[in-house]
Amino acid sequence: RCYALVDSLINPTQVMFFQTEFLNSQEPLGLPPHKLSLKLSCPIIRLRNLDPPQLCNGTHLAVEQMLDNILEATIITGKGTGESVFIP
């Protein structure tokens, strides 16, 4: 399944200068692509704290279910190993 990242500008008045299609087509070096492709049971790593101490930077998870706006995953390393969590 493929998920698109949020494509909004920090300053909404700049929308007339940057069209959404243009922003989505950019692939700058050092930044992740605009689309994220996942498969069931694939391992993922949290890069941003959501709910410390369980869902913090570097926590490894395995994807269990992929819904439209949320992922269900199981923690495979760190505190809370084996617990099911939902990631928006």
PDB file of N, CA and C in Angstrom:
ATOM      1  N   ARG A   1       0.850  -1.179   0.000  1.00  0.00           N
ATOM      2  CA  ARG A   1       0.000   0.000   0.000  1.00  0.00           C
ATOM      3  C   ARG A   1       0.890   1.235   0.000  1.00  0.00           C
ATOM      4  N   CYS A   2       0.450   2.263  -0.667  1.00  0.00           N
ATOM      5  CA  CYS A   2       1.233   3.486  -0.816  1.00  0.00           C
ATOM      6  C   CYS A   2       0.529   4.641  -0.094  1.00  0.00           C
ATOM      7  N   TYR A   3       1.286   5.357   0.745  1.00  0.00           N
ATOM      8  CA  TYR A   3       0.758   6.508   1.473  1.00  0.00           C
ATOM      9  C   TYR A   3       1.452   7.771   0.982  1.00  0.00           C
ATOM     10  N   ALA A   4       0.679   8.834   0.764  1.00  0.00           N
ATOM     11  CA  ALA A   4       1.246  10.127   0.382  1.00  0.00           C
ATOM     12  C   ALA A   4       1.429  10.972   1.635  1.00  0.00           C
ATOM     13  N   LEU A   5       2.497  11.743   1.663  1.00  0.00           N
ATOM     14  CA  LEU A   5       2.761  12.610   2.797  1.00  0.00           C
ATOM     15  C   LEU A   5       1.902  13.864   2.712  1.00  0.00           C
ATOM     16  N   VAL A   6       1.823  14.603   3.793  1.00  0.00           N
ATOM     17  CA  VAL A   6       1.052  15.849   3.826  1.00  0.00           C
ATOM     18  C   VAL A   6       1.724  16.859   2.905  1.00  0.00           C
ATOM     19  N   ASP A   7       0.933  17.525   2.095  1.00  0.00           N
ATOM     20  CA  ASP A   7       1.500  18.471   1.131  1.00  0.00           C
ATOM     21  C   ASP A   7       0.911  19.869   1.313  1.00  0.00           C
ATOM     22  N   SER A   8       1.206  20.457   2.454  1.00  0.00           N
ATOM     23  CA  SER A   8       0.712  21.809   2.719  1.00  0.00           C
ATOM     24  C   SER A   8       1.892  22.732   3.006  1.00  0.00           C
ATOM     25  N   LEU A   9       1.680  24.009   2.789  1.00  0.00           N
ATOM     26  CA  LEU A   9       2.714  25.006   3.033  1.00  0.00           C
ATOM     27  C   LEU A   9       2.575  25.582   4.432  1.00  0.00           C
ATOM     28  N   ILE A  10       3.694  25.981   5.011  1.00  0.00           N
ATOM     29  CA  ILE A  10       3.662  26.603   6.329  1.00  0.00           C
ATOM     30  C   ILE A  10       2.935  27.938   6.253  1.00  0.00           C
ATOM     31  N   ASN A  11       3.195  28.690   5.195  1.00  0.00           N
ATOM     32  CA  ASN A  11       2.557  29.988   4.995  1.00  0.00           C
ATOM     33  C   ASN A  11       1.520  29.849   3.880  1.00  0.00           C
ATOM     34  N   PRO A  12       0.227  29.785   4.195  1.00  0.00           N
ATOM     35  CA  PRO A  12      -0.815  29.561   3.183  1.00  0.00           C
ATOM     36  C   PRO A  12      -0.879  30.630   2.098  1.00  0.00           C
ATOM     37  N   THR A  13      -0.318  31.808   2.344  1.00  0.00           N
ATOM     38  CA  THR A  13      -0.351  32.853   1.316  1.00  0.00           C
ATOM     39  C   THR A  13       0.588  32.533   0.154  1.00  0.00           C
ATOM     40  N   GLN A  14       1.493  31.570   0.332  1.00  0.00           N
ATOM     41  CA  GLN A  14       2.424  31.199  -0.730  1.00  0.00           C
ATOM     42  C   GLN A  14       1.843  30.175  -1.693  1.00  0.00           C
ATOM     43  N   VAL A  15       0.592  29.761  -1.489  1.00  0.00           N
ATOM     44  CA  VAL A  15      -0.007  28.747  -2.345  1.00  0.00           C
ATOM     45  C   VAL A  15      -0.074  29.208  -3.799  1.00  0.00           C
ATOM     46  N   MET A  16      -0.151  30.510  -4.031  1.00  0.00           N
ATOM     47  CA  MET A  16      -0.199  31.006  -5.415  1.00  0.00           C
ATOM     48  C   MET A  16       1.156  30.865  -6.108  1.00  0.00           C
ATOM     49  N   PHE A  17       2.242  30.741  -5.333  1.00  0.00           N
ATOM     50  CA  PHE A  17       3.578  30.597  -5.917  1.00  0.00           C
ATOM     51  C   PHE A  17       3.972  29.137  -6.129  1.00  0.00           C
ATOM     52  N   PHE A  18       3.437  28.228  -5.311  1.00  0.00           N
ATOM     53  CA  PHE A  18       3.818  26.818  -5.377  1.00  0.00           C
ATOM     54  C   PHE A  18       2.576  25.950  -5.516  1.00  0.00           C
ATOM     55  N   GLN A  19       2.358  25.369  -6.673  1.00  0.00           N
ATOM     56  CA  GLN A  19       1.226  24.474  -6.894  1.00  0.00           C
ATOM     57  C   GLN A  19       1.496  23.127  -6.218  1.00  0.00           C
ATOM     58  N   THR A  20       0.450  22.452  -5.764  1.00  0.00           N
ATOM     59  CA  THR A  20       0.572  21.164  -5.087  1.00  0.00           C
ATOM     60  C   THR A  20       1.301  20.149  -5.957  1.00  0.00           C
ATOM     61  N   GLU A  21       0.995  20.106  -7.250  1.00  0.00           N
ATOM     62  CA  GLU A  21       1.632  19.147  -8.152  1.00  0.00           C
ATOM     63  C   GLU A  21       3.142  19.373  -8.208  1.00  0.00           C
ATOM     64  N   PHE A  22       3.545  20.644  -8.212  1.00  0.00           N
ATOM     65  CA  PHE A  22       4.974  20.965  -8.231  1.00  0.00           C
ATOM     66  C   PHE A  22       5.644  20.486  -6.945  1.00  0.00           C
ATOM     67  N   LEU A  23       5.021  20.764  -5.801  1.00  0.00           N
ATOM     68  CA  LEU A  23       5.592  20.342  -4.520  1.00  0.00           C
ATOM     69  C   LEU A  23       5.715  18.825  -4.443  1.00  0.00           C
ATOM     70  N   ASN A  24       4.705  18.106  -4.936  1.00  0.00           N
ATOM     71  CA  ASN A  24       4.722  16.643  -4.888  1.00  0.00           C
ATOM     72  C   ASN A  24       5.754  16.038  -5.829  1.00  0.00           C
ATOM     73  N   SER A  25       6.154  16.769  -6.864  1.00  0.00           N
ATOM     74  CA  SER A  25       7.108  16.232  -7.836  1.00  0.00           C
ATOM     75  C   SER A  25       8.559  16.413  -7.388  1.00  0.00           C
ATOM     76  N   GLN A  26       8.800  17.203  -6.362  1.00  0.00           N
ATOM     77  CA  GLN A  26      10.160  17.473  -5.909  1.00  0.00           C
ATOM     78  C   GLN A  26      10.728  16.286  -5.143  1.00  0.00           C
ATOM     79  N   GLU A  27      11.999  15.969  -5.402  1.00  0.00           N
ATOM     80  CA  GLU A  27      12.697  14.900  -4.689  1.00  0.00           C
ATOM     81  C   GLU A  27      14.072  15.404  -4.259  1.00  0.00           C
ATOM     82  N   PRO A  28      14.134  16.298  -3.256  1.00  0.00           N
ATOM     83  CA  PRO A  28      15.421  16.850  -2.835  1.00  0.00           C
ATOM     84  C   PRO A  28      16.303  15.796  -2.170  1.00  0.00           C
ATOM     85  N   LEU A  29      17.616  15.933  -2.384  1.00  0.00           N
ATOM     86  CA  LEU A  29      18.566  15.010  -1.771  1.00  0.00           C
ATOM     87  C   LEU A  29      18.506  15.128  -0.251  1.00  0.00           C
ATOM     88  N   GLY A  30      18.609  14.005   0.423  1.00  0.00           N
ATOM     89  CA  GLY A  30      18.615  13.999   1.874  1.00  0.00           C
ATOM     90  C   GLY A  30      17.247  14.002   2.521  1.00  0.00           C
ATOM     91  N   LEU A  31      16.182  14.102   1.729  1.00  0.00           N
ATOM     92  CA  LEU A  31      14.825  14.076   2.272  1.00  0.00           C
ATOM     93  C   LEU A  31      14.099  12.841   1.756  1.00  0.00           C
ATOM     94  N   PRO A  32      13.189  12.283   2.538  1.00  0.00           N
ATOM     95  CA  PRO A  32      12.465  11.097   2.088  1.00  0.00           C
ATOM     96  C   PRO A  32      11.540  11.422   0.917  1.00  0.00           C
ATOM     97  N   PRO A  33      11.194  10.414   0.109  1.00  0.00           N
ATOM     98  CA  PRO A  33      10.283  10.653  -1.017  1.00  0.00           C
ATOM     99  C   PRO A  33       8.888  11.037  -0.526  1.00  0.00           C
ATOM    100  N   HIS A  34       8.089  11.614  -1.432  1.00  0.00           N
ATOM    101  CA  HIS A  34       6.746  12.066  -1.089  1.00  0.00           C
ATOM    102  C   HIS A  34       5.814  10.896  -0.791  1.00  0.00           C
ATOM    103  N   LYS A  35       6.094   9.727  -1.348  1.00  0.00           N
ATOM    104  CA  LYS A  35       5.232   8.564  -1.148  1.00  0.00           C
ATOM    105  C   LYS A  35       5.957   7.499  -0.344  1.00  0.00           C
ATOM    106  N   LEU A  36       5.212   6.844   0.527  1.00  0.00           N
ATOM    107  CA  LEU A  36       5.754   5.791   1.374  1.00  0.00           C
ATOM    108  C   LEU A  36       5.046   4.491   1.029  1.00  0.00           C
ATOM    109  N   SER A  37       5.797   3.495   0.578  1.00  0.00           N
ATOM    110  CA  SER A  37       5.217   2.193   0.225  1.00  0.00           C
ATOM    111  C   SER A  37       5.516   1.199   1.339  1.00  0.00           C
ATOM    112  N   LEU A  38       4.474   0.548   1.839  1.00  0.00           N
ATOM    113  CA  LEU A  38       4.616  -0.422   2.925  1.00  0.00           C
ATOM    114  C   LEU A  38       3.959  -1.737   2.554  1.00  0.00           C
ATOM    115  N   LYS A  39       4.443  -2.820   3.165  1.00  0.00           N
ATOM    116  CA  LYS A  39       3.843  -4.142   3.013  1.00  0.00           C
ATOM    117  C   LYS A  39       3.561  -4.686   4.409  1.00  0.00           C
ATOM    118  N   LEU A  40       2.634  -5.615   4.497  1.00  0.00           N
ATOM    119  CA  LEU A  40       2.341  -6.244   5.785  1.00  0.00           C
ATOM    120  C   LEU A  40       3.584  -6.934   6.327  1.00  0.00           C
ATOM    121  N   SER A  41       3.778  -6.854   7.615  1.00  0.00           N
ATOM    122  CA  SER A  41       4.887  -7.460   8.356  1.00  0.00           C
ATOM    123  C   SER A  41       6.238  -6.819   8.085  1.00  0.00           C
ATOM    124  N   CYS A  42       6.292  -5.742   7.308  1.00  0.00           N
ATOM    125  CA  CYS A  42       7.587  -5.096   7.063  1.00  0.00           C
ATOM    126  C   CYS A  42       8.001  -4.319   8.313  1.00  0.00           C
ATOM    127  N   PRO A  43       9.300  -4.300   8.600  1.00  0.00           N
ATOM    128  CA  PRO A  43       9.772  -3.546   9.763  1.00  0.00           C
ATOM    129  C   PRO A  43       9.847  -2.052   9.447  1.00  0.00           C
ATOM    130  N   ILE A  44       9.506  -1.229  10.431  1.00  0.00           N
ATOM    131  CA  ILE A  44       9.622   0.222  10.297  1.00  0.00           C
ATOM    132  C   ILE A  44      10.291   0.761  11.559  1.00  0.00           C
ATOM    133  N   ILE A  45      10.885   1.938  11.459  1.00  0.00           N
ATOM    134  CA  ILE A  45      11.558   2.569  12.594  1.00  0.00           C
ATOM    135  C   ILE A  45      10.952   3.948  12.814  1.00  0.00           C
ATOM    136  N   ARG A  46      10.585   4.244  14.050  1.00  0.00           N
ATOM    137  CA  ARG A  46      10.042   5.565  14.397  1.00  0.00           C
ATOM    138  C   ARG A  46      11.166   6.585  14.355  1.00  0.00           C
ATOM    139  N   LEU A  47      10.925   7.716  13.686  1.00  0.00           N
ATOM    140  CA  LEU A  47      11.909   8.785  13.627  1.00  0.00           C
ATOM    141  C   LEU A  47      11.482  10.001  14.435  1.00  0.00           C
ATOM    142  N   ARG A  48      10.285   9.954  15.009  1.00  0.00           N
ATOM    143  CA  ARG A  48       9.782  11.077  15.800  1.00  0.00           C
ATOM    144  C   ARG A  48       9.045  10.522  17.017  1.00  0.00           C
ATOM    145  N   ASN A  49       9.257  11.150  18.167  1.00  0.00           N
ATOM    146  CA  ASN A  49       8.571  10.720  19.384  1.00  0.00           C
ATOM    147  C   ASN A  49       7.068  10.926  19.250  1.00  0.00           C
ATOM    148  N   LEU A  50       6.286   9.884  19.550  1.00  0.00           N
ATOM    149  CA  LEU A  50       4.829   9.995  19.571  1.00  0.00           C
ATOM    150  C   LEU A  50       4.303   9.879  20.989  1.00  0.00           C
ATOM    151  N   ASP A  51       4.779   8.872  21.702  1.00  0.00           N
ATOM    152  CA  ASP A  51       4.287   8.610  23.050  1.00  0.00           C
ATOM    153  C   ASP A  51       5.432   8.035  23.881  1.00  0.00           C
ATOM    154  N   PRO A  52       6.402   8.882  24.273  1.00  0.00           N
ATOM    155  CA  PRO A  52       7.512   8.362  25.061  1.00  0.00           C
ATOM    156  C   PRO A  52       6.994   7.721  26.338  1.00  0.00           C
ATOM    157  N   PRO A  53       7.561   6.663  26.851  1.00  0.00           N
ATOM    158  CA  PRO A  53       8.769   5.993  26.390  1.00  0.00           C
ATOM    159  C   PRO A  53       8.517   4.880  25.365  1.00  0.00           C
ATOM    160  N   GLN A  54       7.262   4.530  25.063  1.00  0.00           N
ATOM    161  CA  GLN A  54       7.014   3.418  24.144  1.00  0.00           C
ATOM    162  C   GLN A  54       7.344   3.754  22.700  1.00  0.00           C
ATOM    163  N   LEU A  55       6.767   4.809  22.163  1.00  0.00           N
ATOM    164  CA  LEU A  55       6.969   5.163  20.756  1.00  0.00           C
ATOM    165  C   LEU A  55       7.894   6.362  20.645  1.00  0.00           C
ATOM    166  N   CYS A  56       9.191   6.111  20.815  1.00  0.00           N
ATOM    167  CA  CYS A  56      10.162   7.190  20.728  1.00  0.00           C
ATOM    168  C   CYS A  56      11.126   6.923  19.576  1.00  0.00           C
ATOM    169  N   ASN A  57      12.034   7.849  19.346  1.00  0.00           N
ATOM    170  CA  ASN A  57      12.991   7.723  18.250  1.00  0.00           C
ATOM    171  C   ASN A  57      13.707   6.377  18.299  1.00  0.00           C
ATOM    172  N   GLY A  58      13.774   5.696  17.165  1.00  0.00           N
ATOM    173  CA  GLY A  58      14.508   4.445  17.062  1.00  0.00           C
ATOM    174  C   GLY A  58      13.726   3.199  17.425  1.00  0.00           C
ATOM    175  N   THR A  59      12.470   3.327  17.831  1.00  0.00           N
ATOM    176  CA  THR A  59      11.658   2.153  18.153  1.00  0.00           C
ATOM    177  C   THR A  59      11.366   1.378  16.873  1.00  0.00           C
ATOM    178  N   HIS A  60      11.622   0.069  16.891  1.00  0.00           N
ATOM    179  CA  HIS A  60      11.350  -0.786  15.735  1.00  0.00           C
ATOM    180  C   HIS A  60       9.959  -1.392  15.879  1.00  0.00           C
ATOM    181  N   LEU A  61       9.215  -1.390  14.769  1.00  0.00           N
ATOM    182  CA  LEU A  61       7.859  -1.934  14.755  1.00  0.00           C
ATOM    183  C   LEU A  61       7.683  -2.811  13.525  1.00  0.00           C
ATOM    184  N   ALA A  62       6.679  -3.672  13.559  1.00  0.00           N
ATOM    185  CA  ALA A  62       6.292  -4.487  12.405  1.00  0.00           C
ATOM    186  C   ALA A  62       4.858  -4.124  12.042  1.00  0.00           C
ATOM    187  N   VAL A  63       4.617  -3.818  10.767  1.00  0.00           N
ATOM    188  CA  VAL A  63       3.294  -3.410  10.296  1.00  0.00           C
ATOM    189  C   VAL A  63       2.343  -4.602  10.333  1.00  0.00           C
ATOM    190  N   GLU A  64       1.202  -4.451  11.002  1.00  0.00           N
ATOM    191  CA  GLU A  64       0.205  -5.515  11.106  1.00  0.00           C
ATOM    192  C   GLU A  64      -1.015  -5.254  10.233  1.00  0.00           C
ATOM    193  N   GLN A  65      -1.455  -3.997  10.172  1.00  0.00           N
ATOM    194  CA  GLN A  65      -2.643  -3.648   9.396  1.00  0.00           C
ATOM    195  C   GLN A  65      -2.473  -2.230   8.863  1.00  0.00           C
ATOM    196  N   MET A  66      -2.905  -2.019   7.606  1.00  0.00           N
ATOM    197  CA  MET A  66      -2.791  -0.706   6.979  1.00  0.00           C
ATOM    198  C   MET A  66      -4.181  -0.197   6.630  1.00  0.00           C
ATOM    199  N   LEU A  67      -4.596   0.877   7.304  1.00  0.00           N
ATOM    200  CA  LEU A  67      -5.884   1.504   7.038  1.00  0.00           C
ATOM    201  C   LEU A  67      -5.642   2.812   6.290  1.00  0.00           C
ATOM    202  N   ASP A  68      -6.707   3.531   5.952  1.00  0.00           N
ATOM    203  CA  ASP A  68      -6.557   4.750   5.159  1.00  0.00           C
ATOM    204  C   ASP A  68      -5.662   5.798   5.818  1.00  0.00           C
ATOM    205  N   ASN A  69      -5.873   6.086   7.082  1.00  0.00           N
ATOM    206  CA  ASN A  69      -5.131   7.159   7.744  1.00  0.00           C
ATOM    207  C   ASN A  69      -4.355   6.705   8.970  1.00  0.00           C
ATOM    208  N   ILE A  70      -4.228   5.407   9.151  1.00  0.00           N
ATOM    209  CA  ILE A  70      -3.581   4.910  10.361  1.00  0.00           C
ATOM    210  C   ILE A  70      -2.941   3.547  10.098  1.00  0.00           C
ATOM    211  N   LEU A  71      -1.845   3.283  10.796  1.00  0.00           N
ATOM    212  CA  LEU A  71      -1.181   1.982  10.729  1.00  0.00           C
ATOM    213  C   LEU A  71      -1.323   1.293  12.075  1.00  0.00           C
ATOM    214  N   GLU A  72      -1.570   0.003  12.045  1.00  0.00           N
ATOM    215  CA  GLU A  72      -1.494  -0.790  13.269  1.00  0.00           C
ATOM    216  C   GLU A  72      -0.188  -1.558  13.197  1.00  0.00           C
ATOM    217  N   ALA A  73       0.620  -1.445  14.243  1.00  0.00           N
ATOM    218  CA  ALA A  73       1.927  -2.090  14.250  1.00  0.00           C
ATOM    219  C   ALA A  73       2.195  -2.701  15.617  1.00  0.00           C
ATOM    220  N   THR A  74       3.136  -3.646  15.643  1.00  0.00           N
ATOM    221  CA  THR A  74       3.553  -4.286  16.881  1.00  0.00           C
ATOM    222  C   THR A  74       4.974  -3.843  17.197  1.00  0.00           C
ATOM    223  N   ILE A  75       5.210  -3.436  18.432  1.00  0.00           N
ATOM    224  CA  ILE A  75       6.549  -3.018  18.855  1.00  0.00           C
ATOM    225  C   ILE A  75       7.425  -4.261  18.932  1.00  0.00           C
ATOM    226  N   ILE A  76       8.598  -4.217  18.269  1.00  0.00           N
ATOM    227  CA  ILE A  76       9.476  -5.393  18.278  1.00  0.00           C
ATOM    228  C   ILE A  76      10.785  -5.146  19.031  1.00  0.00           C
ATOM    229  N   THR A  77      11.075  -3.899  19.407  1.00  0.00           N
ATOM    230  CA  THR A  77      12.248  -3.615  20.246  1.00  0.00           C
ATOM    231  C   THR A  77      11.894  -2.523  21.246  1.00  0.00           C
ATOM    232  N   GLY A  78      12.647  -2.481  22.326  1.00  0.00           N
ATOM    233  CA  GLY A  78      12.465  -1.417  23.313  1.00  0.00           C
ATOM    234  C   GLY A  78      11.357  -1.711  24.304  1.00  0.00           C
ATOM    235  N   LYS A  79      10.975  -0.681  25.027  1.00  0.00           N
ATOM    236  CA  LYS A  79       9.936  -0.812  26.041  1.00  0.00           C
ATOM    237  C   LYS A  79       8.593  -1.053  25.358  1.00  0.00           C
ATOM    238  N   GLY A  80       7.843  -2.001  25.846  1.00  0.00           N
ATOM    239  CA  GLY A  80       6.543  -2.311  25.264  1.00  0.00           C
ATOM    240  C   GLY A  80       6.606  -3.359  24.169  1.00  0.00           C
ATOM    241  N   THR A  81       7.677  -4.134  24.101  1.00  0.00           N
ATOM    242  CA  THR A  81       7.819  -5.169  23.073  1.00  0.00           C
ATOM    243  C   THR A  81       6.609  -6.092  23.079  1.00  0.00           C
ATOM    244  N   GLY A  82       6.050  -6.329  21.893  1.00  0.00           N
ATOM    245  CA  GLY A  82       4.898  -7.206  21.741  1.00  0.00           C
ATOM    246  C   GLY A  82       3.561  -6.487  21.790  1.00  0.00           C
ATOM    247  N   GLU A  83       3.555  -5.224  22.185  1.00  0.00           N
ATOM    248  CA  GLU A  83       2.300  -4.469  22.263  1.00  0.00           C
ATOM    249  C   GLU A  83       1.881  -3.962  20.892  1.00  0.00           C
ATOM    250  N   SER A  84       0.579  -3.915  20.668  1.00  0.00           N
ATOM    251  CA  SER A  84       0.015  -3.357  19.437  1.00  0.00           C
ATOM    252  C   SER A  84      -0.210  -1.867  19.632  1.00  0.00           C
ATOM    253  N   VAL A  85       0.170  -1.069  18.623  1.00  0.00           N
ATOM    254  CA  VAL A  85       0.001   0.381  18.683  1.00  0.00           C
ATOM    255  C   VAL A  85      -0.580   0.881  17.366  1.00  0.00           C
ATOM    256  N   PHE A  86      -1.179   2.062  17.416  1.00  0.00           N
ATOM    257  CA  PHE A  86      -1.720   2.699  16.220  1.00  0.00           C
ATOM    258  C   PHE A  86      -0.904   3.950  15.933  1.00  0.00           C
ATOM    259  N   ILE A  87      -0.497   4.118  14.675  1.00  0.00           N
ATOM    260  CA  ILE A  87       0.310   5.263  14.264  1.00  0.00           C
ATOM    261  C   ILE A  87      -0.481   6.066  13.241  1.00  0.00           C
ATOM    262  N   PRO A  88      -0.754   7.350  13.537  1.00  0.00           N
ATOM    263  CA  PRO A  88      -1.524   8.168  12.584  1.00  0.00           C
ATOM    264  C   PRO A  88      -0.696   8.514  11.355  1.00  0.00           C
TER     265      PRO A  88
END
